[in-house]
Amino acid sequence: MSEPTNEELITIATNFLLNAPPGEFMEVVTDVRALLPNESLLNESAGRTFREYNTEQMIFVDAPGGGHKVLISKYGEVSDGEYLDPKGNQVIQFDHIKQEVTGKRAIGSGETDQSQEALRAAFEKEAFDYCGQHYPHGTTTVYAKDGKIIVALSSARFNPHNFWNGRWRSVWTYNPSNGECVGHFRIVVHYYEDGNVQLNTDTTQKITVPSGAPDAVASAALKAIAKAEQTFQSSMEVNYNTMGETTYKALRRALPITKVKIDWNKIRTYRISGLGQKQ
């Protein structure tokens, strides 16, 4: 079999990186770099790969001088390395390789949909209240784009000492013209103590929000979003509690190959007897 080309190696390495669990990206980078015959192969694609991973994961950073956090997401990307911070009325500049904010500038003409600013601001207020109550380890950024309101939410918990990390991402797109609000949830949890188990959930839901004044619409929308997300989380808990008694139990052999239950008391007696004979 022929050796893979450099292009094939880059494709394989990129796939590994883009599928890195939350909070473990740099560890995967280090491992992939060690596997490649020439680490310059990784350097060639690092900028694109880091950017895609960060925006897809919707990582968040401290807004310069704002006292709040802002998402690095494709919904707020105005150029390579520049992301909208509507709450701070600014564009932040972010270095994907160094994973840090490098500067800021004022929002330029045409970079936001000013026709929906009143509605966006109302959604932003409700979204931050909701996030503060239910996602203390995350944040939200609300955008106005192409006549629609986009509520993006990301929350992450990293606990490497106990061998688990996870991230919740949800994006709700509200269309004022018909009152439809479409939500997309993505959950990734990685547990790796004495094994390697991942939960990956990807689902879409729709709700309808009655029309009205911006404040009333935003309040109704976030109440409906809260109900939908709580119902989804509760259904997951029910499924996994049930799975322990059904799916996982079905994977285990009910009886050993002999079809006879093991008598653990007898085995313990034999073991104690054997120890006594050795003495």
C-alpha atoms as a PDB file:
ATOM      1  CA  MET A   1       0.000   0.000   0.000  1.00  0.00           C
ATOM      2  CA  SER A   2       1.370   3.411  -0.967  1.00  0.00           C
ATOM      3  CA  GLU A   3       2.203   6.032   1.634  1.00  0.00           C
ATOM      4  CA  PRO A   4      -0.430   8.763   2.121  1.00  0.00           C
ATOM      5  CA  THR A   5       0.241  12.068   0.410  1.00  0.00           C
ATOM      6  CA  ASN A   6       0.749  15.286   2.343  1.00  0.00           C
ATOM      7  CA  GLU A   7      -2.753  16.394   1.356  1.00  0.00           C
ATOM      8  CA  GLU A   8      -4.224  13.169   2.738  1.00  0.00           C
ATOM      9  CA  LEU A   9      -2.256  13.547   5.972  1.00  0.00           C
ATOM     10  CA  ILE A  10      -3.524  17.113   6.391  1.00  0.00           C
ATOM     11  CA  THR A  11      -7.111  15.939   5.810  1.00  0.00           C
ATOM     12  CA  ILE A  12      -6.766  13.179   8.425  1.00  0.00           C
ATOM     13  CA  ALA A  13      -5.134  15.526  10.942  1.00  0.00           C
ATOM     14  CA  THR A  14      -7.801  18.175  10.400  1.00  0.00           C
ATOM     15  CA  ASN A  15     -10.547  15.610  10.978  1.00  0.00           C
ATOM     16  CA  PHE A  16      -8.966  14.612  14.298  1.00  0.00           C
ATOM     17  CA  LEU A  17      -8.729  18.246  15.394  1.00  0.00           C
ATOM     18  CA  LEU A  18     -12.255  19.260  14.418  1.00  0.00           C
ATOM     19  CA  ASN A  19     -13.647  16.320  16.390  1.00  0.00           C
ATOM     20  CA  ALA A  20     -11.661  17.103  19.544  1.00  0.00           C
ATOM     21  CA  PRO A  21     -13.907  17.060  22.642  1.00  0.00           C
ATOM     22  CA  PRO A  22     -14.611  20.357  24.429  1.00  0.00           C
ATOM     23  CA  GLY A  23     -11.711  21.571  26.530  1.00  0.00           C
ATOM     24  CA  GLU A  24      -9.262  19.112  24.958  1.00  0.00           C
ATOM     25  CA  PHE A  25      -8.406  20.798  21.663  1.00  0.00           C
ATOM     26  CA  MET A  26      -4.808  21.712  22.489  1.00  0.00           C
ATOM     27  CA  GLU A  27      -4.109  18.223  23.840  1.00  0.00           C
ATOM     28  CA  VAL A  28      -5.313  16.761  20.533  1.00  0.00           C
ATOM     29  CA  VAL A  29      -3.165  19.288  18.650  1.00  0.00           C
ATOM     30  CA  THR A  30      -0.109  18.091  20.597  1.00  0.00           C
ATOM     31  CA  ASP A  31      -0.884  14.422  19.920  1.00  0.00           C
ATOM     32  CA  VAL A  32      -1.573  14.955  16.211  1.00  0.00           C
ATOM     33  CA  ARG A  33       1.609  16.988  15.835  1.00  0.00           C
ATOM     34  CA  ALA A  34       3.599  14.076  17.292  1.00  0.00           C
ATOM     35  CA  LEU A  35       2.013  11.612  14.856  1.00  0.00           C
ATOM     36  CA  LEU A  36       2.817  13.596  11.723  1.00  0.00           C
ATOM     37  CA  PRO A  37       6.160  12.967   9.980  1.00  0.00           C
ATOM     38  CA  ASN A  38       6.608  16.727   9.629  1.00  0.00           C
ATOM     39  CA  GLU A  39       4.884  19.156  11.964  1.00  0.00           C
ATOM     40  CA  SER A  40       4.992  21.849   9.274  1.00  0.00           C
ATOM     41  CA  LEU A  41       2.061  19.988   7.683  1.00  0.00           C
ATOM     42  CA  LEU A  42      -0.057  20.975  10.667  1.00  0.00           C
ATOM     43  CA  ASN A  43       1.221  24.543  10.640  1.00  0.00           C
ATOM     44  CA  GLU A  44       0.052  25.005   7.047  1.00  0.00           C
ATOM     45  CA  SER A  45      -3.593  24.356   7.917  1.00  0.00           C
ATOM     46  CA  ALA A  46      -3.608  25.477  11.559  1.00  0.00           C
ATOM     47  CA  GLY A  47      -5.144  28.896  10.953  1.00  0.00           C
ATOM     48  CA  ARG A  48      -8.152  27.518   9.063  1.00  0.00           C
ATOM     49  CA  THR A  49      -8.607  24.563  11.399  1.00  0.00           C
ATOM     50  CA  PHE A  50      -8.386  26.567  14.619  1.00  0.00           C
ATOM     51  CA  ARG A  51     -10.846  29.112  13.237  1.00  0.00           C
ATOM     52  CA  GLU A  52     -13.353  26.450  12.192  1.00  0.00           C
ATOM     53  CA  TYR A  53     -13.115  24.652  15.537  1.00  0.00           C
ATOM     54  CA  ASN A  54     -13.487  27.797  17.653  1.00  0.00           C
ATOM     55  CA  THR A  55     -16.464  29.158  15.718  1.00  0.00           C
ATOM     56  CA  GLU A  56     -18.184  25.772  15.541  1.00  0.00           C
ATOM     57  CA  GLN A  57     -17.726  25.225  19.278  1.00  0.00           C
ATOM     58  CA  MET A  58     -18.848  28.816  19.942  1.00  0.00           C
ATOM     59  CA  ILE A  59     -16.138  29.444  22.505  1.00  0.00           C
ATOM     60  CA  PHE A  60     -16.500  32.658  24.499  1.00  0.00           C
ATOM     61  CA  VAL A  61     -14.092  35.365  25.624  1.00  0.00           C
ATOM     62  CA  ASP A  62     -14.175  38.432  27.835  1.00  0.00           C
ATOM     63  CA  ALA A  63     -15.313  41.454  25.855  1.00  0.00           C
ATOM     64  CA  PRO A  64     -12.735  44.266  25.936  1.00  0.00           C
ATOM     65  CA  GLY A  65     -13.857  46.798  28.525  1.00  0.00           C
ATOM     66  CA  GLY A  66     -17.386  45.438  28.520  1.00  0.00           C
ATOM     67  CA  GLY A  67     -17.702  43.442  31.720  1.00  0.00           C
ATOM     68  CA  HIS A  68     -19.443  40.640  29.823  1.00  0.00           C
ATOM     69  CA  LYS A  69     -18.535  37.657  27.658  1.00  0.00           C
ATOM     70  CA  VAL A  70     -19.046  37.312  23.926  1.00  0.00           C
ATOM     71  CA  LEU A  71     -19.212  34.312  21.635  1.00  0.00           C
ATOM     72  CA  ILE A  72     -16.730  33.609  18.865  1.00  0.00           C
ATOM     73  CA  SER A  73     -19.207  32.268  16.343  1.00  0.00           C
ATOM     74  CA  LYS A  74     -19.878  32.173  12.629  1.00  0.00           C
ATOM     75  CA  TYR A  75     -23.072  34.143  13.241  1.00  0.00           C
ATOM     76  CA  GLY A  76     -21.060  37.161  14.352  1.00  0.00           C
ATOM     77  CA  GLU A  77     -18.065  36.782  12.047  1.00  0.00           C
ATOM     78  CA  VAL A  78     -17.568  39.927   9.950  1.00  0.00           C
ATOM     79  CA  SER A  79     -14.136  38.972   8.591  1.00  0.00           C
ATOM     80  CA  ASP A  80     -11.344  36.525   9.325  1.00  0.00           C
ATOM     81  CA  GLY A  81     -10.556  37.045  13.003  1.00  0.00           C
ATOM     82  CA  GLU A  82     -13.215  39.736  13.639  1.00  0.00           C
ATOM     83  CA  TYR A  83     -16.456  39.081  15.547  1.00  0.00           C
ATOM     84  CA  LEU A  84     -19.439  41.188  16.498  1.00  0.00           C
ATOM     85  CA  ASP A  85     -20.034  42.100  20.116  1.00  0.00           C
ATOM     86  CA  PRO A  86     -23.475  43.720  19.793  1.00  0.00           C
ATOM     87  CA  LYS A  87     -23.847  44.212  23.545  1.00  0.00           C
ATOM     88  CA  GLY A  88     -20.583  46.170  23.662  1.00  0.00           C
ATOM     89  CA  ASN A  89     -21.354  47.899  20.343  1.00  0.00           C
ATOM     90  CA  GLN A  90     -17.986  46.828  18.981  1.00  0.00           C
ATOM     91  CA  VAL A  91     -16.136  44.314  16.837  1.00  0.00           C
ATOM     92  CA  ILE A  92     -13.510  42.280  18.676  1.00  0.00           C
ATOM     93  CA  GLN A  93     -10.370  40.990  17.009  1.00  0.00           C
ATOM     94  CA  PHE A  94      -9.449  37.431  17.955  1.00  0.00           C
ATOM     95  CA  ASP A  95      -6.277  35.424  17.286  1.00  0.00           C
ATOM     96  CA  HIS A  96      -7.356  31.806  16.786  1.00  0.00           C
ATOM     97  CA  ILE A  97      -3.848  30.408  17.154  1.00  0.00           C
ATOM     98  CA  LYS A  98      -3.062  32.233  20.402  1.00  0.00           C
ATOM     99  CA  GLN A  99      -6.687  31.866  21.558  1.00  0.00           C
ATOM    100  CA  GLU A 100      -6.875  35.473  22.763  1.00  0.00           C
ATOM    101  CA  VAL A 101      -8.467  38.825  22.010  1.00  0.00           C
ATOM    102  CA  THR A 102      -5.982  41.140  20.313  1.00  0.00           C
ATOM    103  CA  GLY A 103      -8.027  44.305  19.852  1.00  0.00           C
ATOM    104  CA  LYS A 104     -11.346  45.935  19.089  1.00  0.00           C
ATOM    105  CA  ARG A 105     -12.930  48.504  16.794  1.00  0.00           C
ATOM    106  CA  ALA A 106     -16.255  50.219  16.266  1.00  0.00           C
ATOM    107  CA  ILE A 107     -18.996  48.412  14.364  1.00  0.00           C
ATOM    108  CA  GLY A 108     -18.950  49.526  10.761  1.00  0.00           C
ATOM    109  CA  SER A 109     -21.840  50.486   8.505  1.00  0.00           C
ATOM    110  CA  GLY A 110     -23.737  47.464   7.220  1.00  0.00           C
ATOM    111  CA  GLU A 111     -22.177  45.002   9.698  1.00  0.00           C
ATOM    112  CA  THR A 112     -25.427  44.738  11.666  1.00  0.00           C
ATOM    113  CA  ASP A 113     -29.094  44.892  10.683  1.00  0.00           C
ATOM    114  CA  GLN A 114     -30.072  48.230  12.206  1.00  0.00           C
ATOM    115  CA  SER A 115     -33.710  47.792  11.161  1.00  0.00           C
ATOM    116  CA  GLN A 116     -34.059  45.112  13.865  1.00  0.00           C
ATOM    117  CA  GLU A 117     -31.953  46.764  16.574  1.00  0.00           C
ATOM    118  CA  ALA A 118     -34.858  47.478  18.949  1.00  0.00           C
ATOM    119  CA  LEU A 119     -36.012  43.860  18.749  1.00  0.00           C
ATOM    120  CA  ARG A 120     -32.442  42.563  19.020  1.00  0.00           C
ATOM    121  CA  ALA A 121     -31.788  44.619  22.155  1.00  0.00           C
ATOM    122  CA  ALA A 122     -35.006  43.312  23.745  1.00  0.00           C
ATOM    123  CA  PHE A 123     -34.005  39.718  22.966  1.00  0.00           C
ATOM    124  CA  GLU A 124     -30.514  40.387  24.319  1.00  0.00           C
ATOM    125  CA  LYS A 125     -31.838  41.569  27.694  1.00  0.00           C
ATOM    126  CA  GLU A 126     -34.086  38.524  28.075  1.00  0.00           C
ATOM    127  CA  ALA A 127     -31.382  36.144  26.823  1.00  0.00           C
ATOM    128  CA  PHE A 128     -28.792  37.363  29.323  1.00  0.00           C
ATOM    129  CA  ASP A 129     -31.314  37.002  32.156  1.00  0.00           C
ATOM    130  CA  TYR A 130     -32.159  33.482  31.017  1.00  0.00           C
ATOM    131  CA  CYS A 131     -28.513  32.501  30.611  1.00  0.00           C
ATOM    132  CA  GLY A 132     -27.620  33.857  34.044  1.00  0.00           C
ATOM    133  CA  GLN A 133     -30.359  31.751  35.653  1.00  0.00           C
ATOM    134  CA  HIS A 134     -29.813  28.488  33.796  1.00  0.00           C
ATOM    135  CA  TYR A 135     -26.280  28.538  32.339  1.00  0.00           C
ATOM    136  CA  PRO A 136     -23.968  30.109  34.942  1.00  0.00           C
ATOM    137  CA  HIS A 137     -20.943  28.625  33.160  1.00  0.00           C
ATOM    138  CA  GLY A 138     -21.862  30.027  29.769  1.00  0.00           C
ATOM    139  CA  THR A 139     -22.962  33.120  27.920  1.00  0.00           C
ATOM    140  CA  THR A 140     -25.106  34.313  25.045  1.00  0.00           C
ATOM    141  CA  THR A 141     -24.735  36.699  22.130  1.00  0.00           C
ATOM    142  CA  VAL A 142     -27.741  38.000  20.213  1.00  0.00           C
ATOM    143  CA  TYR A 143     -27.431  39.071  16.576  1.00  0.00           C
ATOM    144  CA  ALA A 144     -29.683  40.831  14.068  1.00  0.00           C
ATOM    145  CA  LYS A 145     -29.027  39.466  10.600  1.00  0.00           C
ATOM    146  CA  ASP A 146     -31.000  39.459   7.345  1.00  0.00           C
ATOM    147  CA  GLY A 147     -34.175  40.599   9.098  1.00  0.00           C
ATOM    148  CA  LYS A 148     -33.989  37.835  11.709  1.00  0.00           C
ATOM    149  CA  ILE A 149     -32.899  37.600  15.347  1.00  0.00           C
ATOM    150  CA  ILE A 150     -30.330  34.952  16.269  1.00  0.00           C
ATOM    151  CA  VAL A 151     -29.894  33.957  19.909  1.00  0.00           C
ATOM    152  CA  ALA A 152     -26.692  31.923  20.278  1.00  0.00           C
ATOM    153  CA  LEU A 153     -25.924  30.287  23.616  1.00  0.00           C
ATOM    154  CA  SER A 154     -22.866  28.303  24.688  1.00  0.00           C
ATOM    155  CA  SER A 155     -22.068  26.807  28.073  1.00  0.00           C
ATOM    156  CA  ALA A 156     -19.106  24.592  28.978  1.00  0.00           C
ATOM    157  CA  ARG A 157     -17.862  22.656  31.999  1.00  0.00           C
ATOM    158  CA  PHE A 158     -14.307  21.337  32.050  1.00  0.00           C
ATOM    159  CA  ASN A 159     -13.267  18.913  34.794  1.00  0.00           C
ATOM    160  CA  PRO A 160     -10.106  17.116  33.628  1.00  0.00           C
ATOM    161  CA  HIS A 161      -9.190  16.087  37.196  1.00  0.00           C
ATOM    162  CA  ASN A 162     -12.299  13.905  37.196  1.00  0.00           C
ATOM    163  CA  PHE A 163     -11.860  12.943  33.542  1.00  0.00           C
ATOM    164  CA  TRP A 164     -14.855  14.655  31.960  1.00  0.00           C
ATOM    165  CA  ASN A 165     -15.627  17.743  29.867  1.00  0.00           C
ATOM    166  CA  GLY A 166     -18.739  18.955  28.120  1.00  0.00           C
ATOM    167  CA  ARG A 167     -20.406  21.754  26.189  1.00  0.00           C
ATOM    168  CA  TRP A 168     -24.004  22.778  25.465  1.00  0.00           C
ATOM    169  CA  ARG A 169     -24.709  24.865  22.362  1.00  0.00           C
ATOM    170  CA  SER A 170     -28.077  26.128  21.210  1.00  0.00           C
ATOM    171  CA  VAL A 171     -28.944  28.587  18.468  1.00  0.00           C
ATOM    172  CA  TRP A 172     -32.448  30.026  18.077  1.00  0.00           C
ATOM    173  CA  THR A 173     -33.410  31.927  14.937  1.00  0.00           C
ATOM    174  CA  TYR A 174     -36.539  34.075  15.207  1.00  0.00           C
ATOM    175  CA  ASN A 175     -38.317  35.277  12.070  1.00  0.00           C
ATOM    176  CA  PRO A 176     -40.483  38.349  12.828  1.00  0.00           C
ATOM    177  CA  SER A 177     -42.419  37.938   9.578  1.00  0.00           C
ATOM    178  CA  ASN A 178     -44.152  34.716  10.671  1.00  0.00           C
ATOM    179  CA  GLY A 179     -43.331  34.387  14.392  1.00  0.00           C
ATOM    180  CA  GLU A 180     -41.469  31.115  13.862  1.00  0.00           C
ATOM    181  CA  CYS A 181     -38.463  30.407  16.059  1.00  0.00           C
ATOM    182  CA  VAL A 182     -36.235  27.462  15.127  1.00  0.00           C
ATOM    183  CA  GLY A 183     -33.817  26.056  17.696  1.00  0.00           C
ATOM    184  CA  HIS A 184     -30.804  23.844  17.087  1.00  0.00           C
ATOM    185  CA  PHE A 185     -29.298  22.042  20.137  1.00  0.00           C
ATOM    186  CA  ARG A 186     -25.907  20.361  20.226  1.00  0.00           C
ATOM    187  CA  ILE A 187     -24.448  18.628  23.275  1.00  0.00           C
ATOM    188  CA  VAL A 188     -21.031  16.986  23.538  1.00  0.00           C
ATOM    189  CA  VAL A 189     -19.836  15.276  26.721  1.00  0.00           C
ATOM    190  CA  HIS A 190     -16.604  13.300  26.992  1.00  0.00           C
ATOM    191  CA  TYR A 191     -15.890  10.922  29.887  1.00  0.00           C
ATOM    192  CA  TYR A 192     -12.507   9.221  29.792  1.00  0.00           C
ATOM    193  CA  GLU A 193     -11.678   7.616  33.145  1.00  0.00           C
ATOM    194  CA  ASP A 194     -10.563   4.030  32.383  1.00  0.00           C
ATOM    195  CA  GLY A 195     -12.220   4.294  28.976  1.00  0.00           C
ATOM    196  CA  ASN A 196     -13.457   6.667  26.309  1.00  0.00           C
ATOM    197  CA  VAL A 197     -17.169   7.475  26.171  1.00  0.00           C
ATOM    198  CA  GLN A 198     -18.746  10.380  24.289  1.00  0.00           C
ATOM    199  CA  LEU A 199     -22.272  11.726  24.162  1.00  0.00           C
ATOM    200  CA  ASN A 200     -23.114  13.610  20.960  1.00  0.00           C
ATOM    201  CA  THR A 201     -26.628  14.994  20.592  1.00  0.00           C
ATOM    202  CA  ASP A 202     -27.888  17.081  17.685  1.00  0.00           C
ATOM    203  CA  THR A 203     -31.561  18.053  17.405  1.00  0.00           C
ATOM    204  CA  THR A 204     -33.838  20.764  16.027  1.00  0.00           C
ATOM    205  CA  GLN A 205     -37.085  22.140  17.458  1.00  0.00           C
ATOM    206  CA  LYS A 206     -39.598  24.783  16.397  1.00  0.00           C
ATOM    207  CA  ILE A 207     -41.756  27.120  18.457  1.00  0.00           C
ATOM    208  CA  THR A 208     -44.130  29.927  17.548  1.00  0.00           C
ATOM    209  CA  VAL A 209     -44.013  33.349  19.186  1.00  0.00           C
ATOM    210  CA  PRO A 210     -46.983  35.756  19.055  1.00  0.00           C
ATOM    211  CA  SER A 211     -46.372  39.168  17.520  1.00  0.00           C
ATOM    212  CA  GLY A 212     -46.337  42.390  19.512  1.00  0.00           C
ATOM    213  CA  ALA A 213     -44.035  45.063  20.885  1.00  0.00           C
ATOM    214  CA  PRO A 214     -40.303  44.149  21.014  1.00  0.00           C
ATOM    215  CA  ASP A 215     -40.225  43.679  24.798  1.00  0.00           C
ATOM    216  CA  ALA A 216     -43.337  41.482  24.788  1.00  0.00           C
ATOM    217  CA  VAL A 217     -42.103  39.369  21.867  1.00  0.00           C
ATOM    218  CA  ALA A 218     -38.670  38.875  23.441  1.00  0.00           C
ATOM    219  CA  SER A 219     -40.165  37.916  26.801  1.00  0.00           C
ATOM    220  CA  ALA A 220     -42.550  35.397  25.209  1.00  0.00           C
ATOM    221  CA  ALA A 221     -39.787  33.972  23.023  1.00  0.00           C
ATOM    222  CA  LEU A 222     -37.345  33.375  25.882  1.00  0.00           C
ATOM    223  CA  LYS A 223     -40.062  31.789  28.019  1.00  0.00           C
ATOM    224  CA  ALA A 224     -40.833  29.409  25.157  1.00  0.00           C
ATOM    225  CA  ILE A 225     -37.115  28.755  24.611  1.00  0.00           C
ATOM    226  CA  ALA A 226     -36.648  27.992  28.316  1.00  0.00           C
ATOM    227  CA  LYS A 227     -39.556  25.542  28.261  1.00  0.00           C
ATOM    228  CA  ALA A 228     -38.274  23.808  25.124  1.00  0.00           C
ATOM    229  CA  GLU A 229     -34.717  23.441  26.443  1.00  0.00           C
ATOM    230  CA  GLN A 230     -35.840  22.257  29.869  1.00  0.00           C
ATOM    231  CA  THR A 231     -38.176  19.697  28.291  1.00  0.00           C
ATOM    232  CA  PHE A 232     -35.351  18.468  26.077  1.00  0.00           C
ATOM    233  CA  GLN A 233     -32.940  18.136  29.005  1.00  0.00           C
ATOM    234  CA  SER A 234     -35.570  16.318  31.083  1.00  0.00           C
ATOM    235  CA  SER A 235     -36.250  13.883  28.240  1.00  0.00           C
ATOM    236  CA  MET A 236     -32.541  13.107  28.031  1.00  0.00           C
ATOM    237  CA  GLU A 237     -32.426  12.332  31.753  1.00  0.00           C
ATOM    238  CA  VAL A 238     -35.397  10.009  31.403  1.00  0.00           C
ATOM    239  CA  ASN A 239     -33.831   8.265  28.395  1.00  0.00           C
ATOM    240  CA  TYR A 240     -30.525   7.643  30.135  1.00  0.00           C
ATOM    241  CA  ASN A 241     -32.158   6.478  33.349  1.00  0.00           C
ATOM    242  CA  THR A 242     -34.238   4.039  31.302  1.00  0.00           C
ATOM    243  CA  MET A 243     -31.221   2.991  29.261  1.00  0.00           C
ATOM    244  CA  GLY A 244     -29.506   1.659  32.380  1.00  0.00           C
ATOM    245  CA  GLU A 245     -32.337  -0.814  32.885  1.00  0.00           C
ATOM    246  CA  THR A 246     -32.868  -1.713  29.230  1.00  0.00           C
ATOM    247  CA  THR A 247     -30.130  -1.130  26.656  1.00  0.00           C
ATOM    248  CA  TYR A 248     -27.130  -1.557  28.935  1.00  0.00           C
ATOM    249  CA  LYS A 249     -28.667  -4.566  30.679  1.00  0.00           C
ATOM    250  CA  ALA A 250     -29.293  -6.188  27.298  1.00  0.00           C
ATOM    251  CA  LEU A 251     -25.597  -5.864  26.496  1.00  0.00           C
ATOM    252  CA  ARG A 252     -24.630  -7.937  29.532  1.00  0.00           C
ATOM    253  CA  ARG A 253     -24.773 -11.717  29.583  1.00  0.00           C
ATOM    254  CA  ALA A 254     -27.595 -12.773  31.900  1.00  0.00           C
ATOM    255  CA  LEU A 255     -25.793 -15.991  32.862  1.00  0.00           C
ATOM    256  CA  PRO A 256     -22.257 -17.300  32.346  1.00  0.00           C
ATOM    257  CA  ILE A 257     -21.613 -19.801  29.562  1.00  0.00           C
ATOM    258  CA  THR A 258     -22.416 -22.663  31.972  1.00  0.00           C
ATOM    259  CA  LYS A 259     -25.970 -21.226  32.296  1.00  0.00           C
ATOM    260  CA  VAL A 260     -25.608 -21.481  36.077  1.00  0.00           C
ATOM    261  CA  LYS A 261     -25.472 -18.504  38.400  1.00  0.00           C
ATOM    262  CA  ILE A 262     -22.152 -18.000  40.131  1.00  0.00           C
ATOM    263  CA  ASP A 263     -22.228 -18.808  43.848  1.00  0.00           C
ATOM    264  CA  TRP A 264     -19.975 -16.085  45.185  1.00  0.00           C
ATOM    265  CA  ASN A 265     -20.241 -17.374  48.762  1.00  0.00           C
ATOM    266  CA  LYS A 266     -18.869 -20.753  47.709  1.00  0.00           C
ATOM    267  CA  ILE A 267     -16.001 -19.096  45.824  1.00  0.00           C
ATOM    268  CA  ARG A 268     -15.159 -17.024  48.893  1.00  0.00           C
ATOM    269  CA  THR A 269     -15.165 -20.189  51.023  1.00  0.00           C
ATOM    270  CA  TYR A 270     -12.806 -21.926  48.606  1.00  0.00           C
ATOM    271  CA  ARG A 271     -10.483 -18.930  48.642  1.00  0.00           C
ATOM    272  CA  ILE A 272     -10.356 -18.770  52.441  1.00  0.00           C
ATOM    273  CA  SER A 273      -9.777 -22.525  52.609  1.00  0.00           C
ATOM    274  CA  GLY A 274      -6.952 -22.284  50.110  1.00  0.00           C
ATOM    275  CA  LEU A 275      -5.252 -19.529  52.085  1.00  0.00           C
ATOM    276  CA  GLY A 276      -5.455 -21.669  55.228  1.00  0.00           C
ATOM    277  CA  GLN A 277      -3.795 -24.631  53.498  1.00  0.00           C
ATOM    278  CA  LYS A 278      -0.899 -22.389  52.306  1.00  0.00           C
ATOM    279  CA  GLN A 279      -0.211 -21.390  55.885  1.00  0.00           C
END
